C-alpha atoms as a PDB file:
ATOM      1  CA  MET A   1      13.289  13.233   6.130  1.00  0.00           C
ATOM      2  CA  PRO A   2      11.544  10.354   4.286  1.00  0.00           C
ATOM      3  CA  TYR A   3      11.247  12.272   1.016  1.00  0.00           C
ATOM      4  CA  LEU A   4      12.642  11.778  -2.469  1.00  0.00           C
ATOM      5  CA  THR A   5      13.226  14.916  -4.520  1.00  0.00           C
ATOM      6  CA  ALA A   6      11.792  14.636  -8.019  1.00  0.00           C
ATOM      7  CA  PRO A   7      14.512  13.442 -10.429  1.00  0.00           C
ATOM      8  CA  GLU A   8      13.990  16.524 -12.594  1.00  0.00           C
ATOM      9  CA  GLU A   9      14.775  18.756  -9.584  1.00  0.00           C
ATOM     10  CA  LEU A  10      17.940  17.056  -8.320  1.00  0.00           C
ATOM     11  CA  ALA A  11      20.256  19.513 -10.045  1.00  0.00           C
ATOM     12  CA  GLY A  12      18.806  22.221  -7.811  1.00  0.00           C
ATOM     13  CA  LEU A  13      20.243  20.419  -4.778  1.00  0.00           C
ATOM     14  CA  LEU A  14      23.741  20.621  -6.266  1.00  0.00           C
ATOM     15  CA  PRO A  15      24.442  24.253  -7.180  1.00  0.00           C
ATOM     16  CA  GLY A  16      27.838  24.703  -8.721  1.00  0.00           C
ATOM     17  CA  GLU A  17      28.261  20.994  -9.495  1.00  0.00           C
ATOM     18  CA  PRO A  18      28.611  19.620 -13.029  1.00  0.00           C
ATOM     19  CA  ALA A  19      25.454  18.170 -14.597  1.00  0.00           C
ATOM     20  CA  PHE A  20      26.633  14.588 -14.336  1.00  0.00           C
ATOM     21  CA  ARG A  21      26.523  14.801 -10.517  1.00  0.00           C
ATOM     22  CA  ALA A  22      22.726  15.075 -10.658  1.00  0.00           C
ATOM     23  CA  ARG A  23      22.632  11.980 -12.834  1.00  0.00           C
ATOM     24  CA  GLN A  24      24.781  10.136 -10.306  1.00  0.00           C
ATOM     25  CA  LEU A  25      22.548  11.226  -7.436  1.00  0.00           C
ATOM     26  CA  ARG A  26      19.478  10.145  -9.379  1.00  0.00           C
ATOM     27  CA  ARG A  27      20.955   6.682  -9.726  1.00  0.00           C
ATOM     28  CA  TRP A  28      21.721   6.436  -6.008  1.00  0.00           C
ATOM     29  CA  LEU A  29      18.252   7.622  -5.018  1.00  0.00           C
ATOM     30  CA  TYR A  30      16.066   5.853  -7.544  1.00  0.00           C
ATOM     31  CA  LEU A  31      17.844   2.973  -9.270  1.00  0.00           C
ATOM     32  CA  THR A  32      20.386   1.496  -6.837  1.00  0.00           C
ATOM     33  CA  PRO A  33      19.490   3.166  -3.534  1.00  0.00           C
ATOM     34  CA  VAL A  34      21.724   2.713  -0.507  1.00  0.00           C
ATOM     35  CA  LEU A  35      21.077   3.229   3.179  1.00  0.00           C
ATOM     36  CA  GLU A  36      23.864   5.754   3.789  1.00  0.00           C
ATOM     37  CA  THR A  37      25.326   8.581   1.734  1.00  0.00           C
ATOM     38  CA  ASP A  38      28.820   7.267   2.492  1.00  0.00           C
ATOM     39  CA  LEU A  39      28.030   4.347   0.185  1.00  0.00           C
ATOM     40  CA  MET A  40      27.683   6.668  -2.829  1.00  0.00           C
ATOM     41  CA  THR A  41      31.198   5.795  -3.844  1.00  0.00           C
ATOM     42  CA  ASP A  42      31.440   7.871  -7.029  1.00  0.00           C
ATOM     43  CA  LEU A  43      30.464  11.136  -5.296  1.00  0.00           C
ATOM     44  CA  PRO A  44      33.203  13.202  -3.630  1.00  0.00           C
ATOM     45  CA  ALA A  45      33.246  12.969   0.173  1.00  0.00           C
ATOM     46  CA  ALA A  46      32.570  16.699   0.522  1.00  0.00           C
ATOM     47  CA  LEU A  47      29.477  16.402  -1.646  1.00  0.00           C
ATOM     48  CA  ARG A  48      28.249  13.397   0.313  1.00  0.00           C
ATOM     49  CA  ARG A  49      28.528  15.410   3.518  1.00  0.00           C
ATOM     50  CA  ARG A  50      26.625  18.249   1.878  1.00  0.00           C
ATOM     51  CA  ILE A  51      23.667  16.119   0.867  1.00  0.00           C
ATOM     52  CA  ALA A  52      23.569  13.994   4.032  1.00  0.00           C
ATOM     53  CA  PRO A  53      20.995  16.293   5.753  1.00  0.00           C
ATOM     54  CA  LEU A  54      18.713  15.760   2.740  1.00  0.00           C
ATOM     55  CA  TRP A  55      18.972  11.971   2.881  1.00  0.00           C
ATOM     56  CA  PRO A  56      15.442  10.561   2.908  1.00  0.00           C
ATOM     57  CA  PHE A  57      15.847   7.283   4.776  1.00  0.00           C
ATOM     58  CA  VAL A  58      15.163   7.967   8.448  1.00  0.00           C
ATOM     59  CA  VAL A  59      13.236   5.166  10.185  1.00  0.00           C
ATOM     60  CA  GLU A  60      11.867   5.657  13.694  1.00  0.00           C
ATOM     61  CA  GLU A  61      11.211   1.969  14.334  1.00  0.00           C
ATOM     62  CA  GLN A  62      11.655  -1.374  12.591  1.00  0.00           C
ATOM     63  CA  GLN A  63       9.927  -4.641  13.494  1.00  0.00           C
ATOM     64  CA  THR A  64      10.447  -8.100  12.029  1.00  0.00           C
ATOM     65  CA  ALA A  65       8.383 -11.281  12.106  1.00  0.00           C
ATOM     66  CA  ASP A  66       7.890 -14.579  10.284  1.00  0.00           C
ATOM     67  CA  GLU A  67      11.563 -15.512  10.698  1.00  0.00           C
ATOM     68  CA  GLY A  68      12.671 -12.313   8.998  1.00  0.00           C
ATOM     69  CA  ARG A  69      10.318 -12.586   6.028  1.00  0.00           C
ATOM     70  CA  THR A  70       8.111  -9.711   7.220  1.00  0.00           C
ATOM     71  CA  VAL A  71       9.644  -6.315   8.027  1.00  0.00           C
ATOM     72  CA  LYS A  72       7.684  -3.249   9.090  1.00  0.00           C
ATOM     73  CA  TRP A  73       8.988   0.312   9.240  1.00  0.00           C
ATOM     74  CA  LEU A  74       7.590   3.429  10.864  1.00  0.00           C
ATOM     75  CA  PHE A  75       8.718   6.640   9.174  1.00  0.00           C
ATOM     76  CA  ARG A  76       8.205   9.990  10.855  1.00  0.00           C
ATOM     77  CA  ALA A  77       8.533  13.240   8.928  1.00  0.00           C
ATOM     78  CA  PRO A  78       9.964  16.430  10.458  1.00  0.00           C
ATOM     79  CA  ASP A  79       6.443  17.786  10.963  1.00  0.00           C
ATOM     80  CA  GLY A  80       5.595  14.745  13.114  1.00  0.00           C
ATOM     81  CA  ALA A  81       3.498  12.931  10.525  1.00  0.00           C
ATOM     82  CA  ALA A  82       3.982   9.153  10.825  1.00  0.00           C
ATOM     83  CA  PHE A  83       3.428   6.480   8.193  1.00  0.00           C
ATOM     84  CA  GLU A  84       4.287   2.833   7.671  1.00  0.00           C
ATOM     85  CA  SER A  85       5.500   0.318   5.107  1.00  0.00           C
ATOM     86  CA  VAL A  86       5.574  -3.476   5.283  1.00  0.00           C
ATOM     87  CA  LEU A  87       7.952  -5.680   3.266  1.00  0.00           C
ATOM     88  CA  MET A  88       6.807  -9.279   2.814  1.00  0.00           C
ATOM     89  CA  GLY A  89       8.864 -12.106   1.362  1.00  0.00           C
ATOM     90  CA  TYR A  90       7.363 -15.219  -0.257  1.00  0.00           C
ATOM     91  CA  PRO A  91       9.071 -18.099  -2.069  1.00  0.00           C
ATOM     92  CA  ASN A  92       8.360 -16.615  -5.496  1.00  0.00           C
ATOM     93  CA  ARG A  93       8.082 -12.869  -4.866  1.00  0.00           C
ATOM     94  CA  VAL A  94       8.716  -9.937  -2.530  1.00  0.00           C
ATOM     95  CA  THR A  95       5.888  -7.455  -2.008  1.00  0.00           C
ATOM     96  CA  LEU A  96       6.020  -4.008  -0.433  1.00  0.00           C
ATOM     97  CA  CYS A  97       2.875  -2.493   1.056  1.00  0.00           C
ATOM     98  CA  ILE A  98       3.151   1.303   1.097  1.00  0.00           C
ATOM     99  CA  SER A  99       1.195   4.216   2.567  1.00  0.00           C
ATOM    100  CA  SER A 100      -0.272   7.143   0.647  1.00  0.00           C
ATOM    101  CA  GLN A 101      -1.415   9.247   3.616  1.00  0.00           C
ATOM    102  CA  ALA A 102      -0.447   9.818   7.229  1.00  0.00           C
ATOM    103  CA  GLY A 103      -3.660   8.549   8.753  1.00  0.00           C
ATOM    104  CA  CYS A 104      -6.895   8.191   6.826  1.00  0.00           C
ATOM    105  CA  ALA A 105     -10.200  10.035   6.634  1.00  0.00           C
ATOM    106  CA  MET A 106     -12.283   7.090   5.417  1.00  0.00           C
ATOM    107  CA  GLY A 107     -13.232   5.922   8.937  1.00  0.00           C
ATOM    108  CA  CYS A 108     -13.536   2.191   8.207  1.00  0.00           C
ATOM    109  CA  THR A 109     -14.544   0.715  11.540  1.00  0.00           C
ATOM    110  CA  PHE A 110     -12.173  -2.260  11.574  1.00  0.00           C
ATOM    111  CA  CYS A 111      -9.026  -0.353  10.514  1.00  0.00           C
ATOM    112  CA  ALA A 112      -6.462   0.988  12.971  1.00  0.00           C
ATOM    113  CA  THR A 113      -5.526   3.830  10.622  1.00  0.00           C
ATOM    114  CA  GLY A 114      -9.114   4.984  10.181  1.00  0.00           C
ATOM    115  CA  GLN A 115      -9.695   5.070  13.918  1.00  0.00           C
ATOM    116  CA  PHE A 116      -7.291   8.025  14.240  1.00  0.00           C
ATOM    117  CA  GLY A 117      -8.382  10.136  11.269  1.00  0.00           C
ATOM    118  CA  LEU A 118      -6.250  11.944   8.714  1.00  0.00           C
ATOM    119  CA  ASP A 119      -3.151  13.974   9.556  1.00  0.00           C
ATOM    120  CA  ARG A 120      -2.190  14.860   5.986  1.00  0.00           C
ATOM    121  CA  HIS A 121      -1.548  13.582   2.487  1.00  0.00           C
ATOM    122  CA  LEU A 122       1.872  12.148   1.736  1.00  0.00           C
ATOM    123  CA  HIS A 123       3.911  13.918  -0.915  1.00  0.00           C
ATOM    124  CA  SER A 124       4.779  11.850  -3.965  1.00  0.00           C
ATOM    125  CA  GLY A 125       8.400  11.871  -2.808  1.00  0.00           C
ATOM    126  CA  GLU A 126       7.402  10.372   0.540  1.00  0.00           C
ATOM    127  CA  ILE A 127       5.489   7.620  -1.236  1.00  0.00           C
ATOM    128  CA  ALA A 128       8.346   6.834  -3.622  1.00  0.00           C
ATOM    129  CA  ALA A 129      10.875   6.924  -0.766  1.00  0.00           C
ATOM    130  CA  GLN A 130       9.210   3.914   0.833  1.00  0.00           C
ATOM    131  CA  VAL A 131      10.005   1.874  -2.266  1.00  0.00           C
ATOM    132  CA  ALA A 132      13.556   3.181  -2.474  1.00  0.00           C
ATOM    133  CA  TYR A 133      14.143   2.371   1.186  1.00  0.00           C
ATOM    134  CA  ALA A 134      12.874  -1.182   0.731  1.00  0.00           C
ATOM    135  CA  ARG A 135      15.218  -1.670  -2.223  1.00  0.00           C
ATOM    136  CA  ALA A 136      18.149  -0.301  -0.219  1.00  0.00           C
ATOM    137  CA  TYR A 137      17.290  -2.531   2.739  1.00  0.00           C
ATOM    138  CA  MET A 138      17.116  -5.625   0.559  1.00  0.00           C
ATOM    139  CA  GLY A 139      20.526  -4.754  -0.838  1.00  0.00           C
ATOM    140  CA  VAL A 140      22.077  -5.488   2.560  1.00  0.00           C
ATOM    141  CA  SER A 141      19.417  -7.711   4.188  1.00  0.00           C
ATOM    142  CA  PRO A 142      17.715 -10.020   1.651  1.00  0.00           C
ATOM    143  CA  LEU A 143      14.603 -11.699   2.985  1.00  0.00           C
ATOM    144  CA  PRO A 144      15.255 -15.391   3.735  1.00  0.00           C
ATOM    145  CA  GLY A 145      13.789 -17.846   1.245  1.00  0.00           C
ATOM    146  CA  SER A 146      12.647 -15.079  -1.125  1.00  0.00           C
ATOM    147  CA  PRO A 147      13.894 -13.595  -4.397  1.00  0.00           C
ATOM    148  CA  PRO A 148      16.608 -10.952  -4.004  1.00  0.00           C
ATOM    149  CA  ARG A 149      14.615  -8.204  -5.715  1.00  0.00           C
ATOM    150  CA  LEU A 150      11.454  -6.306  -4.901  1.00  0.00           C
ATOM    151  CA  GLY A 151       8.754  -7.550  -7.261  1.00  0.00           C
ATOM    152  CA  ASN A 152       5.409  -6.010  -6.315  1.00  0.00           C
ATOM    153  CA  VAL A 153       4.279  -2.700  -4.827  1.00  0.00           C
ATOM    154  CA  VAL A 154       0.794  -2.398  -3.355  1.00  0.00           C
ATOM    155  CA  PHE A 155      -0.871   0.822  -2.233  1.00  0.00           C
ATOM    156  CA  MET A 156      -2.597  -0.954   0.656  1.00  0.00           C
ATOM    157  CA  GLY A 157      -0.927   0.713   3.625  1.00  0.00           C
ATOM    158  CA  MET A 158      -2.136   3.735   5.516  1.00  0.00           C
ATOM    159  CA  GLY A 159      -4.518   6.065   3.723  1.00  0.00           C
ATOM    160  CA  GLU A 160      -6.771   6.091   0.686  1.00  0.00           C
ATOM    161  CA  PRO A 161      -4.537   6.576  -2.383  1.00  0.00           C
ATOM    162  CA  LEU A 162      -7.328   7.844  -4.630  1.00  0.00           C
ATOM    163  CA  ALA A 163      -8.177  10.559  -2.086  1.00  0.00           C
ATOM    164  CA  ASN A 164      -4.579  11.774  -2.597  1.00  0.00           C
ATOM    165  CA  TYR A 165      -4.780  11.391  -6.320  1.00  0.00           C
ATOM    166  CA  GLU A 166      -2.157  13.781  -7.691  1.00  0.00           C
ATOM    167  CA  ASN A 167       0.563  12.572  -5.334  1.00  0.00           C
ATOM    168  CA  THR A 168      -0.364   8.941  -5.949  1.00  0.00           C
ATOM    169  CA  ARG A 169      -0.230   9.515  -9.681  1.00  0.00           C
ATOM    170  CA  GLU A 170       3.175  11.189  -9.523  1.00  0.00           C
ATOM    171  CA  ALA A 171       4.506   8.426  -7.273  1.00  0.00           C
ATOM    172  CA  ILE A 172       3.356   5.795  -9.787  1.00  0.00           C
ATOM    173  CA  ARG A 173       5.050   7.756 -12.586  1.00  0.00           C
ATOM    174  CA  ARG A 174       8.341   7.728 -10.694  1.00  0.00           C
ATOM    175  CA  LEU A 175       8.057   4.039  -9.821  1.00  0.00           C
ATOM    176  CA  VAL A 176       7.424   3.071 -13.440  1.00  0.00           C
ATOM    177  CA  GLU A 177       9.327   5.621 -15.508  1.00  0.00           C
ATOM    178  CA  VAL A 178      12.280   6.321 -13.219  1.00  0.00           C
ATOM    179  CA  MET A 179      12.702   3.275 -10.961  1.00  0.00           C
ATOM    180  CA  GLY A 180      11.846   0.734 -13.649  1.00  0.00           C
ATOM    181  CA  ILE A 181       9.077  -1.102 -11.797  1.00  0.00           C
ATOM    182  CA  SER A 182       6.554  -2.746 -14.096  1.00  0.00           C
ATOM    183  CA  ALA A 183       3.159  -1.061 -13.905  1.00  0.00           C
ATOM    184  CA  ARG A 184       1.598  -4.520 -13.938  1.00  0.00           C
ATOM    185  CA  SER A 185       3.378  -5.184 -10.648  1.00  0.00           C
ATOM    186  CA  ILE A 186       1.739  -2.169  -8.969  1.00  0.00           C
ATOM    187  CA  THR A 187      -1.656  -2.469  -7.271  1.00  0.00           C
ATOM    188  CA  VAL A 188      -3.721   0.521  -6.164  1.00  0.00           C
ATOM    189  CA  SER A 189      -6.288  -0.326  -3.506  1.00  0.00           C
ATOM    190  CA  THR A 190      -9.337   1.835  -2.854  1.00  0.00           C
ATOM    191  CA  VAL A 191     -12.375   1.620  -0.588  1.00  0.00           C
ATOM    192  CA  GLY A 192     -14.375   3.105  -3.428  1.00  0.00           C
ATOM    193  CA  VAL A 193     -13.429   6.661  -4.406  1.00  0.00           C
ATOM    194  CA  VAL A 194     -15.343   6.448  -7.668  1.00  0.00           C
ATOM    195  CA  PRO A 195     -14.009   9.628  -9.355  1.00  0.00           C
ATOM    196  CA  GLY A 196     -10.461   8.444  -8.650  1.00  0.00           C
ATOM    197  CA  MET A 197     -11.216   4.991 -10.031  1.00  0.00           C
ATOM    198  CA  ARG A 198     -12.421   6.559 -13.263  1.00  0.00           C
ATOM    199  CA  ARG A 199      -9.385   8.855 -13.497  1.00  0.00           C
ATOM    200  CA  LEU A 200      -7.022   5.947 -12.886  1.00  0.00           C
ATOM    201  CA  ALA A 201      -8.581   4.110 -15.822  1.00  0.00           C
ATOM    202  CA  ASP A 202      -7.441   6.949 -18.108  1.00  0.00           C
ATOM    203  CA  GLU A 203      -3.797   6.926 -16.996  1.00  0.00           C
ATOM    204  CA  PRO A 204      -1.125   5.443 -19.298  1.00  0.00           C
ATOM    205  CA  TRP A 205       0.063   2.760 -16.849  1.00  0.00           C
ATOM    206  CA  PRO A 206      -1.671  -0.652 -16.676  1.00  0.00           C
ATOM    207  CA  VAL A 207      -1.704  -0.926 -12.891  1.00  0.00           C
ATOM    208  CA  THR A 208      -4.022  -3.309 -11.062  1.00  0.00           C
ATOM    209  CA  LEU A 209      -7.072  -1.927  -9.275  1.00  0.00           C
ATOM    210  CA  ALA A 210      -8.060  -3.544  -5.979  1.00  0.00           C
ATOM    211  CA  LEU A 211     -11.497  -2.716  -4.604  1.00  0.00           C
ATOM    212  CA  SER A 212     -11.739  -3.079  -0.837  1.00  0.00           C
ATOM    213  CA  LEU A 213     -15.360  -4.161  -0.725  1.00  0.00           C
ATOM    214  CA  HIS A 214     -15.791  -5.941   2.654  1.00  0.00           C
ATOM    215  CA  ALA A 215     -19.586  -6.157   2.356  1.00  0.00           C
ATOM    216  CA  ALA A 216     -21.938  -7.100  -0.454  1.00  0.00           C
ATOM    217  CA  ASP A 217     -24.996  -5.036   0.501  1.00  0.00           C
ATOM    218  CA  ASP A 218     -25.224  -1.315   1.094  1.00  0.00           C
ATOM    219  CA  ASP A 219     -26.567  -1.481   4.646  1.00  0.00           C
ATOM    220  CA  LEU A 220     -23.645  -3.509   5.977  1.00  0.00           C
ATOM    221  CA  ARG A 221     -21.071  -1.776   3.821  1.00  0.00           C
ATOM    222  CA  THR A 222     -22.180   1.659   5.001  1.00  0.00           C
ATOM    223  CA  ARG A 223     -21.707   0.486   8.578  1.00  0.00           C
ATOM    224  CA  LEU A 224     -18.198  -0.810   7.860  1.00  0.00           C
ATOM    225  CA  VAL A 225     -17.108   1.744   5.232  1.00  0.00           C
ATOM    226  CA  PRO A 226     -18.834   5.130   5.728  1.00  0.00           C
ATOM    227  CA  LEU A 227     -17.800   6.317   2.239  1.00  0.00           C
ATOM    228  CA  ASN A 228     -20.447   3.927   0.929  1.00  0.00           C
ATOM    229  CA  ARG A 229     -23.043   6.598   1.717  1.00  0.00           C
ATOM    230  CA  LEU A 230     -21.528   8.682  -1.073  1.00  0.00           C
ATOM    231  CA  TYR A 231     -20.606   5.873  -3.478  1.00  0.00           C
ATOM    232  CA  PRO A 232     -22.845   2.821  -3.002  1.00  0.00           C
ATOM    233  CA  ILE A 233     -22.035  -0.616  -4.328  1.00  0.00           C
ATOM    234  CA  ASP A 234     -23.755  -0.203  -7.704  1.00  0.00           C
ATOM    235  CA  ASP A 235     -21.552   2.839  -8.391  1.00  0.00           C
ATOM    236  CA  LEU A 236     -18.436   0.906  -7.367  1.00  0.00           C
ATOM    237  CA  VAL A 237     -19.306  -1.976  -9.667  1.00  0.00           C
ATOM    238  CA  ASP A 238     -19.901   0.406 -12.587  1.00  0.00           C
ATOM    239  CA  ALA A 239     -16.557   2.165 -12.020  1.00  0.00           C
ATOM    240  CA  ALA A 240     -14.675  -1.123 -11.594  1.00  0.00           C
ATOM    241  CA  ALA A 241     -16.225  -2.492 -14.792  1.00  0.00           C
ATOM    242  CA  ALA A 242     -15.224   0.683 -16.642  1.00  0.00           C
ATOM    243  CA  PHE A 243     -11.654   0.299 -15.359  1.00  0.00           C
ATOM    244  CA  ARG A 244     -11.511  -3.278 -16.581  1.00  0.00           C
ATOM    245  CA  ARG A 245     -12.764  -2.309 -20.028  1.00  0.00           C
ATOM    246  CA  ALA A 246     -10.378   0.642 -20.339  1.00  0.00           C
ATOM    247  CA  ARG A 247      -7.245  -1.079 -19.055  1.00  0.00           C
ATOM    248  CA  GLY A 248      -7.885  -4.702 -19.974  1.00  0.00           C
ATOM    249  CA  ARG A 249      -6.853  -5.622 -16.437  1.00  0.00           C
ATOM    250  CA  ARG A 250      -8.718  -7.896 -14.071  1.00  0.00           C
ATOM    251  CA  VAL A 251      -9.959  -6.105 -10.966  1.00  0.00           C
ATOM    252  CA  THR A 252      -9.268  -7.622  -7.549  1.00  0.00           C
ATOM    253  CA  ILE A 253     -11.855  -7.557  -4.756  1.00  0.00           C
ATOM    254  CA  GLU A 254     -10.382  -7.364  -1.254  1.00  0.00           C
ATOM    255  CA  TRP A 255     -12.442  -8.752   1.606  1.00  0.00           C
ATOM    256  CA  ALA A 256     -11.352  -8.499   5.258  1.00  0.00           C
ATOM    257  CA  LEU A 257     -13.285 -11.326   6.902  1.00  0.00           C
ATOM    258  CA  ILE A 258     -14.781 -10.310  10.251  1.00  0.00           C
ATOM    259  CA  GLY A 259     -16.281 -12.912  12.535  1.00  0.00           C
ATOM    260  CA  GLY A 260     -20.047 -12.655  12.862  1.00  0.00           C
ATOM    261  CA  VAL A 261     -20.189  -9.614  10.581  1.00  0.00           C
ATOM    262  CA  ASN A 262     -19.406 -10.310   6.924  1.00  0.00           C
ATOM    263  CA  ASP A 263     -18.655 -14.045   7.041  1.00  0.00           C
ATOM    264  CA  THR A 264     -22.228 -15.249   6.551  1.00  0.00           C
ATOM    265  CA  PRO A 265     -23.427 -17.526   3.737  1.00  0.00           C
ATOM    266  CA  GLU A 266     -25.558 -14.662   2.415  1.00  0.00           C
ATOM    267  CA  GLN A 267     -22.557 -12.343   2.154  1.00  0.00           C
ATOM    268  CA  ALA A 268     -20.507 -15.059   0.463  1.00  0.00           C
ATOM    269  CA  SER A 269     -23.186 -15.676  -2.150  1.00  0.00           C
ATOM    270  CA  ALA A 270     -23.679 -11.964  -2.842  1.00  0.00           C
ATOM    271  CA  LEU A 271     -19.916 -11.455  -3.095  1.00  0.00           C
ATOM    272  CA  ALA A 272     -19.673 -14.267  -5.621  1.00  0.00           C
ATOM    273  CA  SER A 273     -22.359 -12.609  -7.703  1.00  0.00           C
ATOM    274  CA  ILE A 274     -20.498  -9.288  -7.761  1.00  0.00           C
ATOM    275  CA  ALA A 275     -17.214 -11.008  -8.600  1.00  0.00           C
ATOM    276  CA  ARG A 276     -18.828 -12.922 -11.470  1.00  0.00           C
ATOM    277  CA  GLU A 277     -20.290  -9.721 -12.874  1.00  0.00           C
ATOM    278  CA  LEU A 278     -16.878  -8.016 -12.779  1.00  0.00           C
ATOM    279  CA  ARG A 279     -14.953 -11.176 -13.698  1.00  0.00           C
ATOM    280  CA  ALA A 280     -12.871 -10.190 -10.687  1.00  0.00           C
ATOM    281  CA  HIS A 281     -10.533 -12.188  -8.485  1.00  0.00           C
ATOM    282  CA  VAL A 282     -11.465 -12.243  -4.793  1.00  0.00           C
ATOM    283  CA  ASN A 283      -8.806 -12.011  -2.090  1.00  0.00           C
ATOM    284  CA  VAL A 284     -10.071 -13.011   1.349  1.00  0.00           C
ATOM    285  CA  ILE A 285      -7.966 -12.183   4.383  1.00  0.00           C
ATOM    286  CA  ALA A 286      -8.949 -12.932   7.941  1.00  0.00           C
ATOM    287  CA  LEU A 287      -9.086  -9.674   9.883  1.00  0.00           C
ATOM    288  CA  ASN A 288      -5.902  -8.632  11.638  1.00  0.00           C
ATOM    289  CA  PRO A 289      -7.527  -7.291  14.838  1.00  0.00           C
ATOM    290  CA  THR A 290      -6.733  -3.840  16.196  1.00  0.00           C
ATOM    291  CA  PRO A 291      -6.828  -2.771  19.860  1.00  0.00           C
ATOM    292  CA  LEU A 292      -9.499  -0.100  19.424  1.00  0.00           C
ATOM    293  CA  SER A 293     -12.039  -2.293  17.636  1.00  0.00           C
ATOM    294  CA  PRO A 294     -14.071  -5.191  19.030  1.00  0.00           C
ATOM    295  CA  ASP A 295     -14.003  -6.913  15.625  1.00  0.00           C
ATOM    296  CA  ARG A 296     -12.162 -10.207  15.463  1.00  0.00           C
ATOM    297  CA  PRO A 297     -11.386 -12.753  12.728  1.00  0.00           C
ATOM    298  CA  PRO A 298     -13.611 -15.809  12.291  1.00  0.00           C
ATOM    299  CA  SER A 299     -12.479 -19.289  13.216  1.00  0.00           C
ATOM    300  CA  GLU A 300     -10.384 -21.216  10.725  1.00  0.00           C
ATOM    301  CA  ARG A 301     -13.393 -23.390   9.993  1.00  0.00           C
ATOM    302  CA  ALA A 302     -15.560 -20.341   9.263  1.00  0.00           C
ATOM    303  CA  VAL A 303     -12.897 -18.851   6.989  1.00  0.00           C
ATOM    304  CA  GLY A 304     -12.729 -22.083   5.000  1.00  0.00           C
ATOM    305  CA  ALA A 305     -16.515 -22.337   4.741  1.00  0.00           C
ATOM    306  CA  PHE A 306     -16.790 -18.746   3.479  1.00  0.00           C
ATOM    307  CA  ILE A 307     -14.167 -19.283   0.791  1.00  0.00           C
ATOM    308  CA  GLU A 308     -15.785 -22.517  -0.304  1.00  0.00           C
ATOM    309  CA  ARG A 309     -19.149 -20.801  -0.672  1.00  0.00           C
ATOM    310  CA  VAL A 310     -17.668 -17.956  -2.729  1.00  0.00           C
ATOM    311  CA  ALA A 311     -15.981 -20.493  -5.000  1.00  0.00           C
ATOM    312  CA  ALA A 312     -19.195 -22.519  -5.270  1.00  0.00           C
ATOM    313  CA  GLY A 313     -20.876 -19.310  -6.448  1.00  0.00           C
ATOM    314  CA  GLY A 314     -18.642 -19.288  -9.500  1.00  0.00           C
ATOM    315  CA  ALA A 315     -16.009 -16.762  -8.396  1.00  0.00           C
ATOM    316  CA  THR A 316     -12.244 -17.134  -8.430  1.00  0.00           C
ATOM    317  CA  VAL A 317     -11.135 -16.747  -4.820  1.00  0.00           C
ATOM    318  CA  THR A 318      -7.946 -17.165  -2.813  1.00  0.00           C
ATOM    319  CA  ARG A 319      -7.052 -16.658   0.801  1.00  0.00           C
ATOM    320  CA  ARG A 320      -4.414 -14.035   1.404  1.00  0.00           C
ATOM    321  CA  ASP A 321      -1.730 -14.781   3.953  1.00  0.00           C
ATOM    322  CA  THR A 322      -2.013 -12.912   7.255  1.00  0.00           C
ATOM    323  CA  ARG A 323       1.465 -11.663   8.088  1.00  0.00           C
ATOM    324  CA  GLY A 324       3.070 -10.257  11.199  1.00  0.00           C
ATOM    325  CA  ARG A 325       0.607 -11.169  13.918  1.00  0.00           C
ATOM    326  CA  GLY A 326       3.529 -11.091  16.358  1.00  0.00           C
ATOM    327  CA  ILE A 327       4.198  -7.421  15.549  1.00  0.00           C
ATOM    328  CA  ASP A 328       2.109  -4.293  14.857  1.00  0.00           C
ATOM    329  CA  ALA A 329       1.545  -5.443  11.298  1.00  0.00           C
ATOM    330  CA  ALA A 330      -1.968  -4.243  10.470  1.00  0.00           C
ATOM    331  CA  CYS A 331      -2.163  -0.824   8.828  1.00  0.00           C
ATOM    332  CA  GLY A 332      -1.760   1.884  11.459  1.00  0.00           C
ATOM    333  CA  GLN A 333      -1.039  -0.358  14.456  1.00  0.00           C
ATOM    334  CA  LEU A 334       2.584   0.655  14.901  1.00  0.00           C
ATOM    335  CA  ARG A 335       1.739   4.321  14.359  1.00  0.00           C
ATOM    336  CA  ALA A 336      -1.057   4.082  16.925  1.00  0.00           C
ATOM    337  CA  ARG A 337       1.261   2.578  19.508  1.00  0.00           C
ATOM    338  CA  LYS A 338       4.035   5.107  18.896  1.00  0.00           C
ATOM    339  CA  GLY A 339       1.644   8.054  18.799  1.00  0.00           C
ATOM    340  CA  ALA A 340       0.562  10.462  16.136  1.00  0.00           C
ATOM    341  CA  PRO A 341       0.904  14.261  16.055  1.00  0.00           C
ATOM    342  CA  GLY A 342      -1.255  15.946  18.626  1.00  0.00           C
ATOM    343  CA  ARG A 343      -2.397  12.680  20.155  1.00  0.00           C
END
């Protein structure tokens, strides 16, 4: 199953074995993960056979795109819950986008994951296993034209990480304190779970907070992101500002650009105003369309005009690369095609 046992509990998987075996297993799971137990060369063959049924790296489907620089995996747990990860290689970095839930309860209208609802939270071990699997994969299949090591982890896959707070927190602890990933290389994206944003500001790790805003007025945002009824934009801005003050980290604003919806000059100007207030960086990405939504990305000309207007409003803005259009790359697309439990 796609699950990593907590490092403190590994000895319980090895009754009768000397203590150093748990330390060896911890290294193979968390520090230098491999795709098969047979590759754990310093463990006896009998022990490898014993732990093989517990091995976490079972992938139901893998897709590749962008000449091998984008790889997407669909994991399915024994209870049928399905979740996805996407590995993306760039000339100067490799980024892994991971899921925090199987499905999502937020109901954002343009998101494939939200269109199917929430199956369940992911355990912290299921979240951490996605990172370990990506590291193991890169050990045998480096992404062409990219660094050989995983550099960044972003909680921008399926689910709302701050709605699964305790498991997200424990996963971050393992990534930083056990796997050695810099907290500054970890980004937690939220559609605006304000209590979770405030809790995250009090944690010891200087992660980056990304606010998936997508609209700059409450009427439009409530239509796109139903959670806005509970936490309107003013509340989001207050919580994001508090995070920045507490952590000393610049907040990122994520904006999925939807043709004829949130790509207007008025939205661009209002977005720039919010970004200036937060001293935030804006990431604009043209919508990756999903089969169950009529929403589509704007034209290239409209995307450029929107970004120019945001920049003219005094905000720092970049366009994020849209990856994997030739595969089911948007969050939840592969899961939707393969089917979810009970559907």
